Amino acid sequence: MHPDRVGLPAAPYATNGLPLPWETPPPVQADEVPAWVRSMLDAAPPEVCDDVIRQATELLLASDPGIDITTVLRAALG
């Protein structure tokens, strides 16, 4: 595969069993979610962006049910 042609950073994903950049598991700590969201959405193809946002929302709400998800996501993407 030619990473530059498909928009992926060069890495032996299949050879070393590495996850694709947008398949990196979400963090456990809520304060790490904004950076994770940003990096995942930067790398993800459009068809998986909804899943990334869903995972982030679930994590944030689990850590603080009263959190304003929109504010956190705007800060992550701003």
N, C-alpha and C. Protein backbone atom coordinates (compact mmCIF):
# COMPACT_ATOMS: atom_id res chain seq x y z
N MET A 1 0.84 -1.17 0.00
CA MET A 1 0.00 0.00 0.00
C MET A 1 0.89 1.23 0.00
N HIS A 2 0.41 2.29 -0.59
CA HIS A 2 1.12 3.57 -0.62
C HIS A 2 0.38 4.52 0.32
N PRO A 3 0.87 4.68 1.56
CA PRO A 3 0.14 5.50 2.54
C PRO A 3 -0.17 6.91 2.05
N ASP A 4 0.76 7.51 1.32
CA ASP A 4 0.53 8.88 0.87
C ASP A 4 -0.64 8.95 -0.12
N ARG A 5 -0.95 7.87 -0.79
CA ARG A 5 -2.05 7.87 -1.75
C ARG A 5 -3.41 7.68 -1.09
N VAL A 6 -3.44 7.11 0.08
CA VAL A 6 -4.71 6.88 0.77
C VAL A 6 -4.87 7.74 2.02
N GLY A 7 -3.92 8.60 2.28
CA GLY A 7 -4.04 9.53 3.40
C GLY A 7 -3.72 8.96 4.76
N LEU A 8 -2.95 7.90 4.82
CA LEU A 8 -2.54 7.32 6.10
C LEU A 8 -1.07 7.61 6.36
N PRO A 9 -0.71 7.79 7.62
CA PRO A 9 0.72 7.91 7.89
C PRO A 9 1.39 6.56 7.62
N ALA A 10 2.63 6.60 7.22
CA ALA A 10 3.34 5.35 6.93
C ALA A 10 3.53 4.55 8.21
N ALA A 11 3.10 3.30 8.18
CA ALA A 11 3.26 2.38 9.32
C ALA A 11 2.87 0.99 8.84
N PRO A 12 3.47 -0.04 9.41
CA PRO A 12 3.13 -1.42 9.01
C PRO A 12 1.87 -1.92 9.72
N TYR A 13 0.71 -1.35 9.39
CA TYR A 13 -0.52 -1.71 10.08
C TYR A 13 -0.82 -3.20 10.03
N ALA A 14 -0.89 -3.78 8.88
CA ALA A 14 -1.22 -5.20 8.76
C ALA A 14 -0.09 -6.08 9.27
N THR A 15 1.14 -5.76 8.91
CA THR A 15 2.29 -6.58 9.30
C THR A 15 2.41 -6.70 10.81
N ASN A 16 2.27 -5.60 11.52
CA ASN A 16 2.44 -5.61 12.97
C ASN A 16 1.12 -5.66 13.73
N GLY A 17 0.03 -5.81 13.01
CA GLY A 17 -1.27 -5.87 13.67
C GLY A 17 -1.65 -4.57 14.36
N LEU A 18 -1.16 -3.44 13.84
CA LEU A 18 -1.47 -2.14 14.43
C LEU A 18 -2.88 -1.71 14.05
N PRO A 19 -3.57 -1.02 14.97
CA PRO A 19 -4.89 -0.50 14.58
C PRO A 19 -4.70 0.66 13.60
N LEU A 20 -5.67 0.84 12.74
CA LEU A 20 -5.64 2.01 11.87
C LEU A 20 -5.76 3.25 12.77
N PRO A 21 -5.30 4.39 12.34
CA PRO A 21 -5.30 5.57 13.22
C PRO A 21 -6.64 5.88 13.86
N TRP A 22 -7.74 5.67 13.16
CA TRP A 22 -9.06 5.98 13.72
C TRP A 22 -9.63 4.83 14.53
N GLU A 23 -8.90 3.73 14.68
CA GLU A 23 -9.37 2.60 15.48
C GLU A 23 -8.68 2.53 16.84
N THR A 24 -7.93 3.55 17.18
CA THR A 24 -7.27 3.59 18.48
C THR A 24 -8.35 3.62 19.56
N PRO A 25 -8.26 2.75 20.55
CA PRO A 25 -9.30 2.72 21.58
C PRO A 25 -9.42 4.06 22.31
N PRO A 26 -10.62 4.40 22.75
CA PRO A 26 -10.79 5.65 23.47
C PRO A 26 -10.06 5.61 24.81
N PRO A 27 -9.70 6.77 25.32
CA PRO A 27 -9.00 6.81 26.61
C PRO A 27 -9.96 6.46 27.75
N VAL A 28 -9.39 6.15 28.88
CA VAL A 28 -10.18 5.85 30.06
C VAL A 28 -10.53 7.14 30.80
N GLN A 29 -9.63 8.09 30.80
CA GLN A 29 -9.81 9.35 31.52
C GLN A 29 -10.57 10.35 30.66
N ALA A 30 -11.60 10.97 31.24
CA ALA A 30 -12.43 11.92 30.50
C ALA A 30 -11.63 13.13 30.03
N ASP A 31 -10.62 13.55 30.78
CA ASP A 31 -9.85 14.73 30.37
C ASP A 31 -8.98 14.47 29.14
N GLU A 32 -8.83 13.21 28.76
CA GLU A 32 -8.07 12.86 27.56
C GLU A 32 -8.96 12.73 26.33
N VAL A 33 -10.27 12.78 26.53
CA VAL A 33 -11.21 12.58 25.42
C VAL A 33 -11.11 13.66 24.36
N PRO A 34 -11.04 14.97 24.71
CA PRO A 34 -10.97 15.98 23.65
C PRO A 34 -9.80 15.77 22.68
N ALA A 35 -8.62 15.47 23.19
CA ALA A 35 -7.46 15.25 22.32
C ALA A 35 -7.67 13.99 21.47
N TRP A 36 -8.25 12.95 22.08
CA TRP A 36 -8.53 11.72 21.34
C TRP A 36 -9.53 11.98 20.22
N VAL A 37 -10.60 12.71 20.52
CA VAL A 37 -11.61 13.03 19.50
C VAL A 37 -10.96 13.75 18.33
N ARG A 38 -10.15 14.75 18.64
CA ARG A 38 -9.51 15.54 17.59
C ARG A 38 -8.63 14.65 16.70
N SER A 39 -7.81 13.82 17.32
CA SER A 39 -6.90 12.99 16.52
C SER A 39 -7.67 11.93 15.73
N MET A 40 -8.73 11.38 16.31
CA MET A 40 -9.52 10.37 15.60
C MET A 40 -10.25 10.98 14.41
N LEU A 41 -10.87 12.14 14.60
CA LEU A 41 -11.61 12.77 13.51
C LEU A 41 -10.69 13.28 12.42
N ASP A 42 -9.49 13.67 12.79
CA ASP A 42 -8.50 14.08 11.78
C ASP A 42 -8.12 12.90 10.89
N ALA A 43 -8.07 11.70 11.47
CA ALA A 43 -7.62 10.52 10.74
C ALA A 43 -8.75 9.70 10.11
N ALA A 44 -9.94 9.79 10.68
CA ALA A 44 -11.03 8.90 10.28
C ALA A 44 -11.64 9.25 8.94
N PRO A 45 -12.04 8.21 8.20
CA PRO A 45 -12.83 8.46 6.99
C PRO A 45 -14.23 8.92 7.43
N PRO A 46 -14.93 9.66 6.59
CA PRO A 46 -16.23 10.21 6.98
C PRO A 46 -17.23 9.20 7.53
N GLU A 47 -17.21 7.99 7.03
CA GLU A 47 -18.21 7.02 7.46
C GLU A 47 -18.04 6.53 8.90
N VAL A 48 -16.93 6.81 9.56
CA VAL A 48 -16.76 6.39 10.95
C VAL A 48 -16.77 7.55 11.94
N CYS A 49 -16.90 8.77 11.45
CA CYS A 49 -16.89 9.94 12.34
C CYS A 49 -18.03 9.91 13.35
N ASP A 50 -19.22 9.48 12.94
CA ASP A 50 -20.34 9.39 13.88
C ASP A 50 -20.03 8.45 15.02
N ASP A 51 -19.34 7.35 14.73
CA ASP A 51 -18.99 6.39 15.77
C ASP A 51 -17.98 6.99 16.76
N VAL A 52 -17.03 7.75 16.26
CA VAL A 52 -16.05 8.41 17.13
C VAL A 52 -16.77 9.37 18.08
N ILE A 53 -17.68 10.17 17.55
CA ILE A 53 -18.42 11.12 18.38
C ILE A 53 -19.30 10.39 19.38
N ARG A 54 -19.92 9.28 18.97
CA ARG A 54 -20.74 8.49 19.89
C ARG A 54 -19.91 7.95 21.05
N GLN A 55 -18.72 7.41 20.74
CA GLN A 55 -17.85 6.87 21.78
C GLN A 55 -17.42 7.98 22.74
N ALA A 56 -17.08 9.13 22.21
CA ALA A 56 -16.66 10.26 23.05
C ALA A 56 -17.81 10.70 23.95
N THR A 57 -19.00 10.77 23.39
CA THR A 57 -20.17 11.18 24.17
C THR A 57 -20.42 10.21 25.31
N GLU A 58 -20.37 8.92 25.03
CA GLU A 58 -20.58 7.90 26.08
C GLU A 58 -19.54 8.02 27.19
N LEU A 59 -18.28 8.19 26.80
CA LEU A 59 -17.22 8.32 27.80
C LEU A 59 -17.41 9.55 28.68
N LEU A 60 -17.69 10.66 28.05
CA LEU A 60 -17.86 11.91 28.80
C LEU A 60 -19.06 11.85 29.73
N LEU A 61 -20.18 11.31 29.25
CA LEU A 61 -21.37 11.21 30.09
C LEU A 61 -21.17 10.22 31.24
N ALA A 62 -20.40 9.17 31.01
CA ALA A 62 -20.12 8.21 32.08
C ALA A 62 -19.29 8.85 33.19
N SER A 63 -18.40 9.76 32.82
CA SER A 63 -17.56 10.40 33.82
C SER A 63 -18.27 11.55 34.52
N ASP A 64 -19.21 12.22 33.80
CA ASP A 64 -19.93 13.35 34.37
C ASP A 64 -21.27 13.49 33.65
N PRO A 65 -22.34 12.92 34.23
CA PRO A 65 -23.64 12.95 33.56
C PRO A 65 -24.15 14.36 33.25
N GLY A 66 -23.68 15.37 33.94
CA GLY A 66 -24.14 16.73 33.71
C GLY A 66 -23.29 17.52 32.74
N ILE A 67 -22.31 16.89 32.14
CA ILE A 67 -21.37 17.60 31.26
C ILE A 67 -22.07 18.10 30.00
N ASP A 68 -21.64 19.24 29.51
CA ASP A 68 -22.17 19.79 28.26
C ASP A 68 -21.32 19.23 27.12
N ILE A 69 -21.82 18.19 26.49
CA ILE A 69 -21.08 17.49 25.43
C ILE A 69 -20.73 18.43 24.28
N THR A 70 -21.66 19.28 23.90
CA THR A 70 -21.42 20.18 22.78
C THR A 70 -20.23 21.10 23.06
N THR A 71 -20.14 21.62 24.26
CA THR A 71 -19.03 22.50 24.63
C THR A 71 -17.69 21.76 24.56
N VAL A 72 -17.66 20.55 25.07
CA VAL A 72 -16.43 19.77 25.07
C VAL A 72 -16.01 19.44 23.64
N LEU A 73 -16.95 19.01 22.82
CA LEU A 73 -16.63 18.68 21.43
C LEU A 73 -16.21 19.92 20.63
N ARG A 74 -16.87 21.04 20.88
CA ARG A 74 -16.45 22.28 20.20
C ARG A 74 -15.03 22.65 20.58
N ALA A 75 -14.69 22.52 21.86
CA ALA A 75 -13.33 22.83 22.30
C ALA A 75 -12.32 21.88 21.66
N ALA A 76 -12.70 20.62 21.54
CA ALA A 76 -11.80 19.62 20.95
C ALA A 76 -11.57 19.90 19.47
N LEU A 77 -12.59 20.38 18.81
CA LEU A 77 -12.51 20.57 17.35
C LEU A 77 -12.18 22.00 16.95
N GLY A 78 -12.17 22.90 17.93
CA GLY A 78 -11.93 24.31 17.61
C GLY A 78 -10.53 24.70 17.37
